[in-house]
Amino acid sequence: MIKNDSNRLIVTPYLSLLPEDLYQKLAASCQHPSPISQEDAIKNYGAIFQHTYNKLVFLTKDLIQTLQKLRENPTLIQNIDTKIKERLLQEKILGTENEIFSFHHYIQMDIEIDTRCNYRCEYCPVSTNLHPPNLMLDALYDSLLLKAKEYGIKNIALNHYNEPTLHQKLLAKIEQAVSLGFCINLFTNGSLLNEEKIAKIKNIGNTKIIINLPTLNATKYQQITKSKLLSKVLENIELLIKYQVDTKLVIIATKEEREESIHKILSVYEKMLGKPLMTEPLSRGGMLANDQYCSAIENEGILSGCHSALNQFSVSFDGVAFLCCQDYDKKYVLGDLKIHSIKEVAESEEAIALRKMILGYATSSREFICRKCEWTSSLDPQNLMDFSGSREQYSKISEDLRNNIFNNLYEQFIKSNHLIFI
């Protein structure tokens, strides 16, 4: 595996400039000693969040403007003050290309134990481009779990557009993974569960069931999923509630019926299961050109990065690691886990090349999957510190969620042993 060997300094693209209203609220809440006055912090400073190391750094507004210029033109880094450069390197705001594009911190691995599905949902690529049936070999699954444990993966999902409950050894595979310390996420349509399986899953523990439930109307359900098994699914949801298995719903309906479907489903299940995990359909990197569910995405110019690509990756039934769960056809290969470790795959030439494109440091074609994906966005030339479109996402969320973000940041802020001011 060939590594990037560039030692050129650049501004890390894993930065988000806090929106002004959030920063002002944070600065005004500062009660403990800091190198500057509260008035100065409010008037002359801003803050950025460093996503790879989960830290807040307070910078003068002049330095923030300088970083914008350095992000656009890294050759200017040689001109900045040596002491400031050292602090920026220390706080991982600057780094070498090799350091930044080789960085990986995966917490979830999606494993395709089976390629089959018993549904043909309108909003899924399986409905239009069915993959041949294949099962992952038991020995390969065993090896992947050991490699994931060695790396430090926390969560395992046993999916890639397949229905995992079709696999005859599913419960044994869940139990095996849980025995090694993993938490399991199981995305399923719920049609093939039964009380015995649900009781076993509860007994195993550390397993979250995520059920695809687009509607409570049997006729519409059959139209959307091509399945007549809604009554069985609803029966199994009741059993999951009865056995107190950690369960979430995914509610994907057409644009026209979405609001009504969400309202009706939540009126029945919200008290027991909480808010749905997902209600917005995804275009699957441009695979689904279905205007009934979602509009086509075109991310132009410089891409802003992606939380998913930073935190998780997928593995095909034959052991090939690929970019993410949106990559239905498994085109964007990172490496072969039959041969290599996760660390080796994460630092491969292929992985580094993909990160450069996702993070806007290398050009990508119009057909590149991330240009057609909702999980990233185009960078605003006026704000090049906006990893994964964080500011745009922040502007769209509710006031309750804004306050939750603030509370999380403030908790981190007041627990810090020292405040980082540059």
Protein backbone atom coordinates (compact mmCIF):
# COMPACT_ATOMS: atom_id res chain seq x y z
CA MET A 1 0.00 0.00 0.00
CA ILE A 2 1.38 3.38 -1.07
CA LYS A 3 1.15 6.29 1.35
CA ASN A 4 0.95 10.00 0.63
CA ASP A 5 4.43 11.37 1.46
CA SER A 6 3.75 15.10 1.13
CA ASN A 7 5.01 17.25 4.01
CA ARG A 8 3.48 20.49 2.75
CA LEU A 9 1.63 22.36 5.50
CA ILE A 10 -2.07 23.06 4.97
CA VAL A 11 -5.08 24.17 7.02
CA THR A 12 -7.01 21.10 8.05
CA PRO A 13 -10.40 20.92 6.31
CA TYR A 14 -11.91 19.35 9.46
CA LEU A 15 -12.84 22.76 10.88
CA SER A 16 -16.18 24.48 11.44
CA LEU A 17 -16.43 28.17 12.28
CA LEU A 18 -19.11 28.53 14.94
CA PRO A 19 -22.11 30.61 13.79
CA GLU A 20 -21.99 34.07 15.35
CA ASP A 21 -25.13 33.63 17.48
CA LEU A 22 -23.82 30.37 18.96
CA TYR A 23 -20.38 31.87 19.63
CA GLN A 24 -21.80 34.98 21.30
CA LYS A 25 -23.97 32.83 23.56
CA LEU A 26 -20.97 30.69 24.46
CA ALA A 27 -18.62 33.62 25.11
CA ALA A 28 -21.22 35.43 27.21
CA SER A 29 -21.57 32.33 29.42
CA CYS A 30 -17.88 32.13 30.24
CA GLN A 31 -17.56 32.45 34.02
CA HIS A 32 -14.18 30.94 34.83
CA PRO A 33 -10.74 32.54 34.42
CA SER A 34 -9.35 32.89 30.91
CA PRO A 35 -6.39 34.70 29.34
CA ILE A 36 -8.70 37.47 28.08
CA SER A 37 -11.67 39.37 29.41
CA GLN A 38 -15.23 38.32 28.63
CA GLU A 39 -15.76 41.63 26.83
CA ASP A 40 -12.71 41.01 24.65
CA ALA A 41 -13.82 37.46 23.90
CA ILE A 42 -17.23 38.66 22.74
CA LYS A 43 -15.94 41.59 20.69
CA ASN A 44 -12.69 40.40 19.14
CA TYR A 45 -12.76 36.60 19.05
CA GLY A 46 -14.56 33.75 17.35
CA ALA A 47 -14.32 29.99 17.74
CA ILE A 48 -13.75 27.01 15.51
CA PHE A 49 -14.50 23.38 16.19
CA GLN A 50 -11.80 20.85 15.25
CA HIS A 51 -13.75 17.71 14.29
CA THR A 52 -10.98 15.12 14.25
CA TYR A 53 -9.93 15.92 17.82
CA ASN A 54 -13.29 17.26 19.11
CA LYS A 55 -11.92 20.50 20.51
CA LEU A 56 -12.96 24.15 20.56
CA VAL A 57 -10.30 26.73 19.75
CA PHE A 58 -10.83 30.47 20.28
CA LEU A 59 -9.16 32.70 17.69
CA THR A 60 -8.99 36.42 17.07
CA LYS A 61 -11.24 37.50 14.23
CA ASP A 62 -8.13 38.64 12.34
CA LEU A 63 -6.60 35.17 12.64
CA ILE A 64 -9.85 33.57 11.46
CA GLN A 65 -9.69 35.74 8.34
CA THR A 66 -6.04 34.75 7.89
CA LEU A 67 -6.94 31.06 8.12
CA GLN A 68 -9.53 31.54 5.38
CA LYS A 69 -6.75 32.87 3.13
CA LEU A 70 -4.36 30.08 4.14
CA ARG A 71 -7.04 27.46 3.42
CA GLU A 72 -7.40 28.91 -0.07
CA ASN A 73 -3.65 29.35 -0.66
CA PRO A 74 -1.43 27.13 1.56
CA THR A 75 1.78 28.67 0.20
CA LEU A 76 1.05 31.71 2.40
CA ILE A 77 1.57 29.62 5.55
CA GLN A 78 5.31 30.23 5.30
CA ASN A 79 4.67 33.93 5.92
CA ILE A 80 2.82 33.72 9.24
CA ASP A 81 4.42 34.39 12.63
CA THR A 82 6.46 31.42 13.87
CA LYS A 83 4.87 31.34 17.34
CA ILE A 84 1.36 31.44 15.90
CA LYS A 85 2.28 28.72 13.42
CA GLU A 86 3.55 26.54 16.28
CA ARG A 87 0.27 27.02 18.21
CA LEU A 88 -1.80 26.21 15.13
CA LEU A 89 0.24 23.04 14.60
CA GLN A 90 -0.13 22.14 18.28
CA GLU A 91 -3.92 22.47 18.12
CA LYS A 92 -4.08 20.49 14.84
CA ILE A 93 -5.41 23.44 12.86
CA LEU A 94 -2.36 23.18 10.62
CA GLY A 95 -0.78 19.91 9.61
CA THR A 96 1.07 18.19 6.82
CA GLU A 97 -0.87 16.76 3.90
CA ASN A 98 0.31 13.31 4.91
CA GLU A 99 -0.92 13.74 8.48
CA ILE A 100 -4.31 15.19 7.53
CA PHE A 101 -5.26 12.96 4.61
CA SER A 102 -4.00 9.81 6.31
CA PHE A 103 -6.11 10.55 9.40
CA HIS A 104 -8.82 8.00 10.23
CA HIS A 105 -11.01 7.48 13.25
CA TYR A 106 -13.62 4.88 12.33
CA ILE A 107 -16.17 4.02 14.99
CA GLN A 108 -18.57 1.95 12.86
CA MET A 109 -18.12 -0.78 10.28
CA ASP A 110 -21.04 -1.93 8.11
CA ILE A 111 -20.71 -5.60 7.13
CA GLU A 112 -22.62 -7.06 4.21
CA ILE A 113 -23.22 -10.56 5.57
CA ASP A 114 -25.82 -11.25 2.87
CA THR A 115 -26.78 -9.49 -0.38
CA ARG A 116 -30.42 -10.65 -0.48
CA CYS A 117 -33.58 -8.72 0.34
CA ASN A 118 -37.20 -9.85 0.38
CA TYR A 119 -38.55 -6.33 -0.33
CA ARG A 120 -38.33 -4.06 -3.38
CA CYS A 121 -38.88 -0.64 -1.82
CA GLU A 122 -39.38 2.23 -4.25
CA TYR A 123 -36.82 4.40 -2.46
CA CYS A 124 -34.08 1.73 -2.50
CA PRO A 125 -31.66 0.79 -5.33
CA VAL A 126 -32.60 -2.87 -4.80
CA SER A 127 -35.87 -2.13 -6.60
CA THR A 128 -34.10 -1.20 -9.84
CA ASN A 129 -30.66 -2.82 -9.70
CA LEU A 130 -30.75 -6.11 -7.84
CA HIS A 131 -27.38 -7.60 -6.86
CA PRO A 132 -26.77 -11.37 -7.25
CA PRO A 133 -27.36 -13.44 -4.07
CA ASN A 134 -24.22 -13.98 -2.01
CA LEU A 135 -23.35 -14.82 1.59
CA MET A 136 -20.23 -13.81 3.47
CA LEU A 137 -18.11 -16.79 4.47
CA ASP A 138 -18.09 -17.48 8.22
CA ALA A 139 -14.29 -17.42 8.35
CA LEU A 140 -14.21 -13.98 6.72
CA TYR A 141 -16.79 -12.66 9.19
CA ASP A 142 -14.70 -14.02 12.08
CA SER A 143 -11.61 -12.31 10.69
CA LEU A 144 -13.40 -8.98 10.20
CA LEU A 145 -14.61 -8.92 13.80
CA LEU A 146 -11.09 -9.54 15.10
CA LYS A 147 -9.66 -6.82 12.87
CA ALA A 148 -12.41 -4.43 13.98
CA LYS A 149 -11.66 -5.18 17.64
CA GLU A 150 -7.94 -4.67 17.10
CA TYR A 151 -8.61 -1.30 15.42
CA GLY A 152 -11.07 -0.09 18.06
CA ILE A 153 -14.35 -0.11 16.15
CA LYS A 154 -17.31 0.34 18.54
CA ASN A 155 -20.37 -0.34 16.38
CA ILE A 156 -21.18 -2.99 13.78
CA ALA A 157 -24.09 -2.84 11.33
CA LEU A 158 -24.90 -6.07 9.50
CA ASN A 159 -26.26 -4.39 6.42
CA HIS A 160 -25.65 -3.06 2.96
CA TYR A 161 -29.12 -2.77 1.36
CA ASN A 162 -29.81 -6.35 2.36
CA GLU A 163 -32.39 -7.81 4.73
CA PRO A 164 -30.20 -9.34 7.47
CA THR A 165 -32.97 -11.50 8.94
CA LEU A 166 -32.84 -13.65 5.79
CA HIS A 167 -29.50 -15.00 7.04
CA GLN A 168 -29.98 -18.33 8.86
CA LYS A 169 -27.05 -17.65 11.19
CA LEU A 170 -27.96 -14.04 11.99
CA LEU A 171 -28.52 -14.54 15.73
CA ALA A 172 -25.24 -16.43 16.09
CA LYS A 173 -23.43 -13.63 14.27
CA ILE A 174 -24.99 -10.99 16.50
CA GLU A 175 -24.06 -12.97 19.60
CA GLN A 176 -20.51 -13.46 18.36
CA ALA A 177 -20.06 -9.72 17.75
CA VAL A 178 -21.61 -8.71 21.07
CA SER A 179 -19.35 -11.20 22.92
CA LEU A 180 -16.38 -9.27 21.51
CA GLY A 181 -17.73 -6.00 22.90
CA PHE A 182 -19.43 -4.52 19.83
CA CYS A 183 -22.78 -2.75 19.76
CA ILE A 184 -24.96 -3.97 16.88
CA ASN A 185 -27.18 -1.84 14.63
CA LEU A 186 -29.61 -3.97 12.66
CA PHE A 187 -31.52 -2.24 9.86
CA THR A 188 -34.48 -4.42 8.89
CA ASN A 189 -37.95 -4.31 7.42
CA GLY A 190 -39.00 -6.44 10.42
CA SER A 191 -41.08 -8.91 8.41
CA LEU A 192 -39.07 -12.04 9.26
CA LEU A 193 -38.70 -11.51 13.00
CA ASN A 194 -40.76 -13.53 15.46
CA GLU A 195 -41.14 -13.78 19.24
CA GLU A 196 -38.42 -16.41 19.62
CA LYS A 197 -35.88 -14.34 17.68
CA ILE A 198 -36.83 -11.14 19.50
CA ALA A 199 -36.49 -12.82 22.90
CA LYS A 200 -33.07 -14.11 21.87
CA ILE A 201 -31.97 -10.63 20.69
CA LYS A 202 -33.08 -9.19 24.03
CA ASN A 203 -31.09 -11.86 25.85
CA ILE A 204 -27.97 -11.18 23.79
CA GLY A 205 -28.22 -7.43 24.46
CA ASN A 206 -26.28 -4.50 22.94
CA THR A 207 -28.41 -4.65 19.78
CA LYS A 208 -30.48 -1.83 18.32
CA ILE A 209 -33.21 -2.72 15.82
CA ILE A 210 -34.01 -0.07 13.21
CA ILE A 211 -37.25 -0.86 11.35
CA ASN A 212 -38.25 0.58 8.01
CA LEU A 213 -41.92 1.59 8.33
CA PRO A 214 -43.06 3.93 5.54
CA THR A 215 -46.80 3.86 6.33
CA LEU A 216 -49.50 2.22 8.42
CA ASN A 217 -51.78 1.84 5.39
CA ALA A 218 -51.60 -1.74 4.06
CA THR A 219 -52.39 -0.78 0.46
CA LYS A 220 -49.77 1.97 0.37
CA TYR A 221 -47.29 -0.27 2.19
CA GLN A 222 -47.61 -2.92 -0.51
CA GLN A 223 -47.30 -0.27 -3.23
CA ILE A 224 -44.11 1.12 -1.69
CA THR A 225 -42.38 -2.10 -0.58
CA LYS A 226 -44.00 -4.70 -2.87
CA SER A 227 -44.77 -6.70 0.29
CA LYS A 228 -48.05 -7.73 1.91
CA LEU A 229 -46.42 -8.26 5.31
CA LEU A 230 -47.36 -5.01 7.08
CA SER A 231 -49.48 -6.81 9.70
CA LYS A 232 -46.55 -9.09 10.55
CA VAL A 233 -44.22 -6.09 10.83
CA LEU A 234 -46.60 -4.29 13.19
CA GLU A 235 -46.94 -7.46 15.26
CA ASN A 236 -43.17 -7.66 15.55
CA ILE A 237 -42.89 -4.01 16.56
CA GLU A 238 -45.28 -4.72 19.42
CA LEU A 239 -43.13 -7.69 20.44
CA LEU A 240 -39.98 -5.54 20.36
CA ILE A 241 -41.74 -3.07 22.66
CA LYS A 242 -42.93 -5.91 24.90
CA TYR A 243 -39.42 -7.32 25.26
CA GLN A 244 -37.95 -3.81 25.66
CA VAL A 245 -35.50 -4.24 22.80
CA ASP A 246 -33.85 -0.95 21.80
CA THR A 247 -35.86 -0.09 18.68
CA LYS A 248 -36.08 2.90 16.34
CA LEU A 249 -38.18 3.57 13.25
CA VAL A 250 -37.21 4.88 9.84
CA ILE A 251 -40.18 6.55 8.14
CA ILE A 252 -39.62 7.10 4.42
CA ALA A 253 -42.70 8.21 2.48
CA THR A 254 -43.27 10.22 -0.69
CA LYS A 255 -43.01 14.02 -0.50
CA GLU A 256 -46.78 14.23 -0.89
CA GLU A 257 -47.57 11.80 1.93
CA ARG A 258 -44.58 12.31 4.23
CA GLU A 259 -46.10 14.67 6.76
CA GLU A 260 -49.26 12.58 7.11
CA SER A 261 -47.35 9.29 7.41
CA ILE A 262 -44.97 10.63 10.03
CA HIS A 263 -47.85 12.08 12.06
CA LYS A 264 -49.86 8.85 12.00
CA ILE A 265 -46.92 6.60 12.84
CA LEU A 266 -45.68 8.83 15.66
CA SER A 267 -49.16 9.10 17.13
CA VAL A 268 -48.99 5.34 17.67
CA TYR A 269 -45.33 4.72 18.51
CA GLU A 270 -43.59 7.91 19.64
CA LYS A 271 -44.29 7.38 23.36
CA MET A 272 -42.74 3.90 23.25
CA LEU A 273 -39.98 4.35 20.64
CA GLY A 274 -39.23 8.08 20.62
CA LYS A 275 -38.47 10.17 17.56
CA PRO A 276 -37.75 8.31 14.30
CA LEU A 277 -34.13 7.78 13.36
CA MET A 278 -34.74 9.11 9.86
CA THR A 279 -37.60 10.65 7.89
CA GLU A 280 -35.83 12.19 4.89
CA PRO A 281 -35.17 9.85 1.94
CA LEU A 282 -31.71 9.92 0.38
CA SER A 283 -30.82 9.82 -3.29
CA ARG A 284 -28.11 7.25 -2.51
CA GLY A 285 -25.39 9.23 -4.20
CA GLY A 286 -27.52 9.81 -7.29
CA MET A 287 -28.64 6.19 -7.66
CA LEU A 288 -32.31 7.08 -7.11
CA ALA A 289 -33.74 9.55 -9.58
CA ASN A 290 -37.21 9.38 -8.06
CA ASP A 291 -38.78 12.80 -7.63
CA GLN A 292 -41.59 11.30 -5.60
CA TYR A 293 -39.15 10.87 -2.73
CA CYS A 294 -36.20 13.21 -3.20
CA SER A 295 -34.73 15.66 -5.65
CA ALA A 296 -31.39 15.21 -7.38
CA ILE A 297 -28.38 16.75 -5.62
CA GLU A 298 -25.58 18.61 -7.43
CA ASN A 299 -22.72 19.74 -5.20
CA GLU A 300 -20.64 22.11 -7.30
CA GLY A 301 -17.15 23.44 -6.72
CA ILE A 302 -15.19 22.56 -3.58
CA LEU A 303 -16.71 19.82 -1.44
CA SER A 304 -16.95 20.38 2.32
CA GLY A 305 -16.17 16.90 3.66
CA CYS A 306 -18.39 14.29 5.29
CA HIS A 307 -18.93 13.05 8.85
CA SER A 308 -19.84 9.59 7.54
CA ALA A 309 -16.57 9.20 5.64
CA LEU A 310 -14.70 10.28 8.79
CA ASN A 311 -16.49 7.90 11.15
CA GLN A 312 -17.51 4.75 9.26
CA PHE A 313 -16.94 2.53 6.25
CA SER A 314 -18.49 -0.56 4.69
CA VAL A 315 -17.29 -4.06 3.83
CA SER A 316 -18.72 -6.19 1.01
CA PHE A 317 -19.64 -9.88 1.35
CA ASP A 318 -16.24 -10.76 -0.18
CA GLY A 319 -14.17 -8.61 2.22
CA VAL A 320 -13.59 -5.49 0.14
CA ALA A 321 -13.70 -2.26 2.16
CA PHE A 322 -15.46 0.61 0.38
CA LEU A 323 -16.32 4.22 1.05
CA CYS A 324 -19.72 4.24 2.71
CA CYS A 325 -23.29 2.97 2.91
CA GLN A 326 -24.42 5.31 0.11
CA ASP A 327 -22.15 3.46 -2.35
CA TYR A 328 -24.68 0.79 -3.39
CA ASP A 329 -22.53 -0.68 -6.16
CA LYS A 330 -19.37 -0.62 -4.02
CA LYS A 331 -17.41 1.37 -6.61
CA TYR A 332 -15.23 3.45 -4.28
CA VAL A 333 -12.82 0.85 -2.94
CA LEU A 334 -10.50 1.49 0.02
CA GLY A 335 -8.76 -1.90 0.05
CA ASP A 336 -9.10 -5.62 0.68
CA LEU A 337 -9.63 -6.67 4.30
CA LYS A 338 -8.97 -10.30 3.45
CA ILE A 339 -5.33 -9.26 3.05
CA HIS A 340 -4.85 -6.03 5.00
CA SER A 341 -5.67 -4.61 8.42
CA ILE A 342 -8.20 -1.78 8.83
CA LYS A 343 -5.34 0.63 9.54
CA GLU A 344 -3.58 -0.37 6.32
CA VAL A 345 -6.77 0.02 4.30
CA ALA A 346 -7.53 3.39 5.94
CA GLU A 347 -4.07 4.68 5.01
CA SER A 348 -4.05 3.24 1.48
CA GLU A 349 -3.39 5.31 -1.61
CA GLU A 350 -7.04 4.77 -2.58
CA ALA A 351 -8.38 5.99 0.78
CA ILE A 352 -6.17 9.09 0.74
CA ALA A 353 -7.21 9.97 -2.82
CA LEU A 354 -10.88 9.71 -1.86
CA ARG A 355 -10.41 11.87 1.25
CA LYS A 356 -8.72 14.56 -0.83
CA MET A 357 -11.73 14.72 -3.15
CA ILE A 358 -14.28 14.62 -0.33
CA LEU A 359 -12.44 17.35 1.57
CA GLY A 360 -12.06 19.63 -1.45
CA TYR A 361 -8.28 19.35 -1.90
CA ALA A 362 -8.45 17.41 -5.18
CA THR A 363 -10.72 17.74 -8.18
CA SER A 364 -13.44 15.18 -8.74
CA SER A 365 -15.66 14.44 -11.70
CA ARG A 366 -19.33 15.37 -11.85
CA GLU A 367 -20.06 11.65 -11.48
CA PHE A 368 -18.22 11.37 -8.15
CA ILE A 369 -20.71 9.97 -5.63
CA CYS A 370 -20.26 12.79 -3.11
CA ARG A 371 -21.26 15.39 -5.68
CA LYS A 372 -24.69 13.78 -5.72
CA CYS A 373 -25.03 13.10 -1.99
CA GLU A 374 -27.00 14.92 0.72
CA TRP A 375 -24.36 14.17 3.37
CA THR A 376 -21.96 16.79 2.10
CA SER A 377 -22.31 20.18 0.41
CA SER A 378 -20.41 22.76 -1.61
CA LEU A 379 -18.14 25.06 0.34
CA ASP A 380 -18.99 28.75 0.30
CA PRO A 381 -15.86 30.56 -1.00
CA GLN A 382 -16.50 33.15 1.74
CA ASN A 383 -16.34 30.50 4.45
CA LEU A 384 -13.86 27.71 3.79
CA MET A 385 -14.05 26.50 7.39
CA ASP A 386 -17.35 24.64 7.21
CA PHE A 387 -16.65 20.92 7.47
CA SER A 388 -19.54 18.84 6.11
CA GLY A 389 -21.79 21.87 5.67
CA SER A 390 -22.21 22.26 9.43
CA ARG A 391 -23.31 25.91 9.26
CA GLU A 392 -25.97 25.24 6.65
CA GLN A 393 -27.29 22.33 8.71
CA TYR A 394 -27.24 24.50 11.85
CA SER A 395 -29.29 27.22 10.13
CA LYS A 396 -32.06 24.73 9.31
CA ILE A 397 -32.53 23.09 12.69
CA SER A 398 -35.06 23.92 15.35
CA GLU A 399 -34.43 26.22 18.31
CA ASP A 400 -34.63 23.20 20.65
CA LEU A 401 -31.81 21.49 18.79
CA ARG A 402 -29.81 24.72 18.66
CA ASN A 403 -30.06 24.91 22.44
CA ASN A 404 -29.02 21.28 22.73
CA ILE A 405 -25.92 21.99 20.60
CA PHE A 406 -25.12 24.96 22.82
CA ASN A 407 -25.55 22.92 26.00
CA ASN A 408 -23.21 20.22 24.69
CA LEU A 409 -20.59 22.79 23.69
CA TYR A 410 -20.93 24.65 26.98
CA GLU A 411 -20.56 21.43 28.98
CA GLN A 412 -17.35 20.68 27.08
CA PHE A 413 -16.29 24.31 27.52
CA ILE A 414 -16.64 24.43 31.32
CA LYS A 415 -15.06 20.99 31.80
CA SER A 416 -11.91 22.00 29.93
CA ASN A 417 -8.78 22.15 32.06
CA HIS A 418 -7.75 25.18 30.03
CA LEU A 419 -9.24 27.32 27.31
CA ILE A 420 -7.42 27.38 24.01
CA PHE A 421 -6.94 30.98 22.88
CA ILE A 422 -4.73 31.88 19.94
